[in-house]
N, C-alpha and C. Protein backbone atom coordinates (compact mmCIF):
# COMPACT_ATOMS: atom_id res chain seq x y z
N MET A 1 19.90 198.21 68.04
CA MET A 1 20.26 196.93 68.60
C MET A 1 21.39 197.17 69.60
N ARG A 2 21.28 196.57 70.76
CA ARG A 2 22.33 196.70 71.76
C ARG A 2 23.34 195.58 71.58
N ARG A 3 24.60 195.90 71.79
CA ARG A 3 25.66 194.89 71.71
C ARG A 3 26.57 195.05 72.90
N THR A 4 27.10 193.95 73.38
CA THR A 4 28.08 193.99 74.45
C THR A 4 29.09 192.89 74.20
N THR A 5 30.27 193.03 74.75
CA THR A 5 31.29 191.99 74.61
C THR A 5 31.77 191.58 76.00
N GLY A 6 32.34 190.40 76.09
CA GLY A 6 32.80 189.87 77.36
C GLY A 6 34.07 190.55 77.86
N SER A 7 34.34 190.39 79.14
CA SER A 7 35.56 190.93 79.73
C SER A 7 36.70 189.93 79.55
N ARG A 8 37.91 190.35 79.83
CA ARG A 8 39.06 189.46 79.68
C ARG A 8 39.02 188.31 80.68
N ALA A 9 38.31 188.47 81.79
CA ALA A 9 38.27 187.43 82.82
C ALA A 9 37.32 186.29 82.47
N SER A 10 36.46 186.49 81.51
CA SER A 10 35.48 185.46 81.16
C SER A 10 35.67 185.02 79.72
N ALA A 11 34.90 184.03 79.33
CA ALA A 11 34.97 183.54 77.96
C ALA A 11 34.61 184.66 76.98
N PRO A 12 35.37 184.82 75.91
CA PRO A 12 35.02 185.84 74.91
C PRO A 12 33.64 185.55 74.33
N ARG A 13 32.79 186.55 74.37
CA ARG A 13 31.42 186.35 73.91
C ARG A 13 30.88 187.64 73.33
N ALA A 14 29.80 187.51 72.64
CA ALA A 14 29.08 188.66 72.10
C ALA A 14 27.60 188.43 72.31
N LEU A 15 26.89 189.46 72.66
CA LEU A 15 25.45 189.39 72.88
C LEU A 15 24.79 190.47 72.03
N ALA A 16 23.62 190.18 71.54
CA ALA A 16 22.85 191.18 70.79
C ALA A 16 21.38 190.94 71.07
N TRP A 17 20.63 192.00 71.24
CA TRP A 17 19.19 191.87 71.40
C TRP A 17 18.51 193.08 70.82
N VAL A 18 17.28 192.88 70.41
CA VAL A 18 16.53 193.97 69.79
C VAL A 18 15.93 194.87 70.87
N THR A 19 15.73 196.12 70.52
CA THR A 19 15.07 197.11 71.38
C THR A 19 13.96 197.75 70.55
N PRO A 20 13.12 198.56 71.17
CA PRO A 20 12.09 199.23 70.37
C PRO A 20 12.66 200.08 69.24
N GLU A 21 13.90 200.56 69.39
CA GLU A 21 14.53 201.39 68.37
C GLU A 21 15.20 200.58 67.26
N THR A 22 15.27 199.28 67.38
CA THR A 22 15.94 198.43 66.38
C THR A 22 15.20 198.50 65.05
N SER A 23 15.94 198.72 64.00
CA SER A 23 15.32 198.81 62.67
C SER A 23 14.82 197.43 62.22
N GLU A 24 13.90 197.44 61.29
CA GLU A 24 13.38 196.18 60.74
C GLU A 24 14.50 195.40 60.04
N ALA A 25 15.42 196.11 59.39
CA ALA A 25 16.55 195.44 58.72
C ALA A 25 17.42 194.71 59.74
N ASP A 26 17.70 195.36 60.88
CA ASP A 26 18.50 194.70 61.92
C ASP A 26 17.74 193.54 62.55
N ARG A 27 16.43 193.70 62.75
CA ARG A 27 15.63 192.59 63.30
C ARG A 27 15.69 191.38 62.37
N ALA A 28 15.60 191.63 61.07
CA ALA A 28 15.67 190.54 60.09
C ALA A 28 17.05 189.89 60.10
N PHE A 29 18.10 190.70 60.26
CA PHE A 29 19.46 190.17 60.28
C PHE A 29 19.68 189.27 61.50
N VAL A 30 19.24 189.72 62.69
CA VAL A 30 19.41 188.94 63.91
C VAL A 30 18.51 187.71 63.88
N GLY A 31 17.26 187.86 63.43
CA GLY A 31 16.37 186.73 63.26
C GLY A 31 15.70 186.22 64.52
N THR A 32 16.06 186.74 65.65
CA THR A 32 15.48 186.34 66.93
C THR A 32 15.65 187.52 67.89
N PRO A 33 14.86 187.60 68.97
CA PRO A 33 14.98 188.74 69.87
C PRO A 33 16.33 188.84 70.59
N ARG A 34 17.05 187.71 70.71
CA ARG A 34 18.31 187.75 71.47
C ARG A 34 19.27 186.70 70.94
N VAL A 35 20.55 187.05 70.84
CA VAL A 35 21.58 186.13 70.35
C VAL A 35 22.77 186.14 71.31
N HIS A 36 23.28 184.97 71.62
CA HIS A 36 24.50 184.82 72.41
C HIS A 36 25.49 184.04 71.56
N ALA A 37 26.72 184.47 71.50
CA ALA A 37 27.74 183.77 70.72
C ALA A 37 29.05 183.76 71.51
N ILE A 38 29.83 182.70 71.31
CA ILE A 38 31.17 182.62 71.91
C ILE A 38 32.16 182.30 70.81
N GLU A 39 33.44 182.61 71.07
CA GLU A 39 34.49 182.30 70.10
C GLU A 39 34.63 180.78 69.97
N TYR A 40 34.90 180.31 68.77
CA TYR A 40 35.00 178.88 68.50
C TYR A 40 36.01 178.19 69.42
N GLY A 41 37.11 178.84 69.71
CA GLY A 41 38.15 178.26 70.57
C GLY A 41 37.67 177.94 71.98
N TRP A 42 36.60 178.58 72.41
CA TRP A 42 36.04 178.34 73.74
C TRP A 42 34.92 177.30 73.72
N LEU A 43 34.53 176.81 72.56
CA LEU A 43 33.37 175.94 72.43
C LEU A 43 33.46 174.69 73.30
N ALA A 44 34.57 173.98 73.26
CA ALA A 44 34.72 172.76 74.05
C ALA A 44 34.65 173.06 75.55
N SER A 45 35.32 174.10 75.99
CA SER A 45 35.30 174.46 77.41
C SER A 45 33.90 174.84 77.86
N MET A 46 33.20 175.60 77.05
CA MET A 46 31.84 176.02 77.41
C MET A 46 30.88 174.84 77.36
N GLY A 47 31.12 173.89 76.46
CA GLY A 47 30.26 172.72 76.37
C GLY A 47 30.37 171.82 77.58
N ASN A 48 31.51 171.85 78.25
CA ASN A 48 31.72 171.03 79.45
C ASN A 48 31.38 171.76 80.74
N ALA A 49 31.02 173.03 80.65
CA ALA A 49 30.73 173.83 81.84
C ALA A 49 29.27 173.66 82.26
N ALA A 50 29.04 173.79 83.54
CA ALA A 50 27.67 173.77 84.05
C ALA A 50 27.04 175.15 83.81
N ALA A 51 25.85 175.16 83.26
CA ALA A 51 25.14 176.41 83.01
C ALA A 51 24.23 176.71 84.19
N ARG A 52 24.28 177.96 84.63
CA ARG A 52 23.42 178.39 85.73
C ARG A 52 22.69 179.66 85.29
N PRO A 53 21.37 179.65 85.35
CA PRO A 53 20.64 180.87 85.00
C PRO A 53 20.82 181.92 86.09
N SER A 54 20.83 183.15 85.69
CA SER A 54 20.93 184.24 86.66
C SER A 54 20.15 185.44 86.16
N GLU A 55 19.72 186.27 87.06
CA GLU A 55 19.02 187.49 86.71
C GLU A 55 19.74 188.66 87.33
N LEU A 56 19.86 189.73 86.59
CA LEU A 56 20.44 190.96 87.11
C LEU A 56 19.31 191.94 87.35
N HIS A 57 19.20 192.40 88.54
CA HIS A 57 18.16 193.37 88.87
C HIS A 57 18.79 194.74 89.01
N ALA A 58 18.42 195.62 88.12
CA ALA A 58 19.00 196.97 88.13
C ALA A 58 18.17 197.89 88.98
């Protein structure tokens, strides 16, 4: 499972997604192919923010 965390310049967040190498136990724990989470203290600010989809092309 890949994990990443946010930078200091943005809202604290954590992301997780499954890969072909992800174990069945980790897949069951995550429960979905991808999870995004933010710290509770940022919830109100993020709820009032405009969401814009973006794609990163590597």
